[in-house]
């Protein structure tokens, strides 16, 4: 598996975009203050530790999906598809799941670049 192909994957990018906006925009977090973004993200990060991830990967998947759902329900511009979610679940069920999860969260926290 090449991580460069993961970075170019449309589903990967769509999911990262949902998280990127609130992660990089204090304006967004102010407008949607009813969404406890940092608390939800911390829960995802806590479930991504190697020890927890190895024994209870479903905890990470559940927290990640909860984060996505709360963001998308608060802001209709932050949408993802069932195909994006299916891809994510498939990726979390393979031997490279932890590095992919780490890459996804790192990519989502990076500011968007202009091309």
C-alpha atoms as a PDB file:
ATOM      1  CA  UNK A   1       0.000   0.000   0.000  1.00  0.00           C
ATOM      2  CA  UNK A   2       1.358   3.393  -1.008  1.00  0.00           C
ATOM      3  CA  UNK A   3       0.474   6.247   1.290  1.00  0.00           C
ATOM      4  CA  UNK A   4       0.716   8.648  -1.633  1.00  0.00           C
ATOM      5  CA  UNK A   5      -2.257   6.861  -3.207  1.00  0.00           C
ATOM      6  CA  UNK A   6      -4.180   7.245   0.072  1.00  0.00           C
ATOM      7  CA  UNK A   7      -3.456  10.986   0.058  1.00  0.00           C
ATOM      8  CA  UNK A   8      -4.834  11.239  -3.473  1.00  0.00           C
ATOM      9  CA  UNK A   9      -7.946   9.179  -2.722  1.00  0.00           C
ATOM     10  CA  UNK A  10     -11.178  11.149  -3.148  1.00  0.00           C
ATOM     11  CA  UNK A  11     -12.831   9.533  -0.108  1.00  0.00           C
ATOM     12  CA  UNK A  12      -9.802  10.321   2.046  1.00  0.00           C
ATOM     13  CA  UNK A  13      -9.869  13.939   0.910  1.00  0.00           C
ATOM     14  CA  UNK A  14     -13.625  14.294   1.409  1.00  0.00           C
ATOM     15  CA  UNK A  15     -13.462  13.020   4.966  1.00  0.00           C
ATOM     16  CA  UNK A  16     -10.467  15.203   5.776  1.00  0.00           C
ATOM     17  CA  UNK A  17     -12.276  18.254   4.377  1.00  0.00           C
ATOM     18  CA  UNK A  18     -15.175  17.750   6.792  1.00  0.00           C
ATOM     19  CA  UNK A  19     -12.771  17.968   9.732  1.00  0.00           C
ATOM     20  CA  UNK A  20     -10.417  20.574   8.258  1.00  0.00           C
ATOM     21  CA  UNK A  21     -12.903  23.441   8.258  1.00  0.00           C
ATOM     22  CA  UNK A  22     -13.657  23.414  11.997  1.00  0.00           C
ATOM     23  CA  UNK A  23     -10.068  22.493  12.813  1.00  0.00           C
ATOM     24  CA  UNK A  24      -8.588  25.479  11.013  1.00  0.00           C
ATOM     25  CA  UNK A  25     -11.353  28.064  11.432  1.00  0.00           C
ATOM     26  CA  UNK A  26     -12.064  29.759  14.738  1.00  0.00           C
ATOM     27  CA  UNK A  27     -14.858  31.573  12.885  1.00  0.00           C
ATOM     28  CA  UNK A  28     -16.506  28.217  12.117  1.00  0.00           C
ATOM     29  CA  UNK A  29     -16.126  27.060  15.729  1.00  0.00           C
ATOM     30  CA  UNK A  30     -17.712  30.306  16.929  1.00  0.00           C
ATOM     31  CA  UNK A  31     -20.619  30.058  14.515  1.00  0.00           C
ATOM     32  CA  UNK A  32     -21.276  26.410  15.432  1.00  0.00           C
ATOM     33  CA  UNK A  33     -20.366  26.625  19.103  1.00  0.00           C
ATOM     34  CA  UNK A  34     -23.013  24.004  19.931  1.00  0.00           C
ATOM     35  CA  UNK A  35     -20.636  21.421  18.437  1.00  0.00           C
ATOM     36  CA  UNK A  36     -17.948  20.544  21.012  1.00  0.00           C
ATOM     37  CA  UNK A  37     -15.354  20.138  18.275  1.00  0.00           C
ATOM     38  CA  UNK A  38     -12.202  19.970  20.393  1.00  0.00           C
ATOM     39  CA  UNK A  39     -13.801  17.525  22.838  1.00  0.00           C
ATOM     40  CA  UNK A  40     -14.956  15.255  20.005  1.00  0.00           C
ATOM     41  CA  UNK A  41     -11.561  15.420  18.300  1.00  0.00           C
ATOM     42  CA  UNK A  42      -9.797  14.650  21.581  1.00  0.00           C
ATOM     43  CA  UNK A  43     -11.998  11.556  21.935  1.00  0.00           C
ATOM     44  CA  UNK A  44     -10.961  10.430  18.446  1.00  0.00           C
ATOM     45  CA  UNK A  45      -7.287  11.071  19.216  1.00  0.00           C
ATOM     46  CA  UNK A  46      -7.525   9.220  22.549  1.00  0.00           C
ATOM     47  CA  UNK A  47      -8.986   6.183  20.779  1.00  0.00           C
ATOM     48  CA  UNK A  48      -6.114   6.247  18.261  1.00  0.00           C
ATOM     49  CA  UNK A  49      -3.401   5.295  20.726  1.00  0.00           C
ATOM     50  CA  UNK A  50      -1.633   2.108  19.630  1.00  0.00           C
ATOM     51  CA  UNK A  51      -2.763   0.221  22.749  1.00  0.00           C
ATOM     52  CA  UNK A  52      -6.461   1.071  22.382  1.00  0.00           C
ATOM     53  CA  UNK A  53      -6.394   0.827  18.601  1.00  0.00           C
ATOM     54  CA  UNK A  54      -4.894  -2.671  18.742  1.00  0.00           C
ATOM     55  CA  UNK A  55      -7.518  -4.033  21.122  1.00  0.00           C
ATOM     56  CA  UNK A  56     -10.583  -1.954  20.291  1.00  0.00           C
ATOM     57  CA  UNK A  57     -10.396  -0.432  16.815  1.00  0.00           C
ATOM     58  CA  UNK A  58     -14.192  -0.100  16.850  1.00  0.00           C
ATOM     59  CA  UNK A  59     -13.827   2.584  19.536  1.00  0.00           C
ATOM     60  CA  UNK A  60     -11.818   4.741  17.133  1.00  0.00           C
ATOM     61  CA  UNK A  61     -14.204   4.100  14.231  1.00  0.00           C
ATOM     62  CA  UNK A  62     -17.222   4.951  16.383  1.00  0.00           C
ATOM     63  CA  UNK A  63     -15.730   8.171  17.706  1.00  0.00           C
ATOM     64  CA  UNK A  64     -14.566   9.222  14.251  1.00  0.00           C
ATOM     65  CA  UNK A  65     -18.034   8.577  12.793  1.00  0.00           C
ATOM     66  CA  UNK A  66     -19.634  10.503  15.664  1.00  0.00           C
ATOM     67  CA  UNK A  67     -17.352  13.473  14.940  1.00  0.00           C
ATOM     68  CA  UNK A  68     -18.258  13.403  11.248  1.00  0.00           C
ATOM     69  CA  UNK A  69     -21.982  13.103  11.949  1.00  0.00           C
ATOM     70  CA  UNK A  70     -22.046  15.997  14.412  1.00  0.00           C
ATOM     71  CA  UNK A  71     -20.086  18.266  12.086  1.00  0.00           C
ATOM     72  CA  UNK A  72     -22.232  17.413   9.056  1.00  0.00           C
ATOM     73  CA  UNK A  73     -25.504  17.832  10.952  1.00  0.00           C
ATOM     74  CA  UNK A  74     -24.434  21.252  12.234  1.00  0.00           C
ATOM     75  CA  UNK A  75     -23.136  22.593   8.919  1.00  0.00           C
ATOM     76  CA  UNK A  76     -24.737  21.411   5.700  1.00  0.00           C
ATOM     77  CA  UNK A  77     -21.603  22.452   3.785  1.00  0.00           C
ATOM     78  CA  UNK A  78     -19.591  19.758   5.577  1.00  0.00           C
ATOM     79  CA  UNK A  79     -20.935  16.664   3.902  1.00  0.00           C
ATOM     80  CA  UNK A  80     -19.568  13.232   3.133  1.00  0.00           C
ATOM     81  CA  UNK A  81     -21.074  10.325   1.244  1.00  0.00           C
ATOM     82  CA  UNK A  82     -21.928   6.786   2.244  1.00  0.00           C
ATOM     83  CA  UNK A  83     -19.176   5.745  -0.161  1.00  0.00           C
ATOM     84  CA  UNK A  84     -16.678   7.904   1.774  1.00  0.00           C
ATOM     85  CA  UNK A  85     -17.741   6.235   4.987  1.00  0.00           C
ATOM     86  CA  UNK A  86     -17.627   2.740   3.428  1.00  0.00           C
ATOM     87  CA  UNK A  87     -14.093   3.431   2.227  1.00  0.00           C
ATOM     88  CA  UNK A  88     -13.070   4.600   5.715  1.00  0.00           C
ATOM     89  CA  UNK A  89     -14.517   1.505   7.381  1.00  0.00           C
ATOM     90  CA  UNK A  90     -12.784  -0.726   4.832  1.00  0.00           C
ATOM     91  CA  UNK A  91      -9.466   1.025   5.478  1.00  0.00           C
ATOM     92  CA  UNK A  92      -9.909   0.629   9.240  1.00  0.00           C
ATOM     93  CA  UNK A  93     -10.253  -3.108   8.697  1.00  0.00           C
ATOM     94  CA  UNK A  94      -6.811  -3.674   7.206  1.00  0.00           C
ATOM     95  CA  UNK A  95      -3.282  -4.049   8.538  1.00  0.00           C
ATOM     96  CA  UNK A  96      -2.403  -0.414   7.763  1.00  0.00           C
ATOM     97  CA  UNK A  97      -5.362   1.041   9.659  1.00  0.00           C
ATOM     98  CA  UNK A  98      -3.415   2.909  12.353  1.00  0.00           C
ATOM     99  CA  UNK A  99      -1.069   4.712   9.936  1.00  0.00           C
ATOM    100  CA  UNK A 100      -4.032   5.558   7.689  1.00  0.00           C
ATOM    101  CA  UNK A 101      -6.004   6.913  10.659  1.00  0.00           C
ATOM    102  CA  UNK A 102      -2.987   8.989  11.709  1.00  0.00           C
ATOM    103  CA  UNK A 103      -2.496  10.270   8.184  1.00  0.00           C
ATOM    104  CA  UNK A 104      -6.166  11.203   7.901  1.00  0.00           C
ATOM    105  CA  UNK A 105      -6.145  13.206  11.124  1.00  0.00           C
ATOM    106  CA  UNK A 106      -2.862  14.908  10.254  1.00  0.00           C
ATOM    107  CA  UNK A 107      -4.084  15.799   6.772  1.00  0.00           C
ATOM    108  CA  UNK A 108      -7.371  17.103   8.197  1.00  0.00           C
ATOM    109  CA  UNK A 109      -5.520  19.425  10.556  1.00  0.00           C
ATOM    110  CA  UNK A 110      -3.363  20.961   7.835  1.00  0.00           C
ATOM    111  CA  UNK A 111      -4.461  24.295   6.418  1.00  0.00           C
ATOM    112  CA  UNK A 112      -5.865  24.101   2.921  1.00  0.00           C
ATOM    113  CA  UNK A 113      -3.389  25.191   0.273  1.00  0.00           C
ATOM    114  CA  UNK A 114      -4.164  27.132  -2.856  1.00  0.00           C
ATOM    115  CA  UNK A 115      -3.119  25.410  -6.056  1.00  0.00           C
END
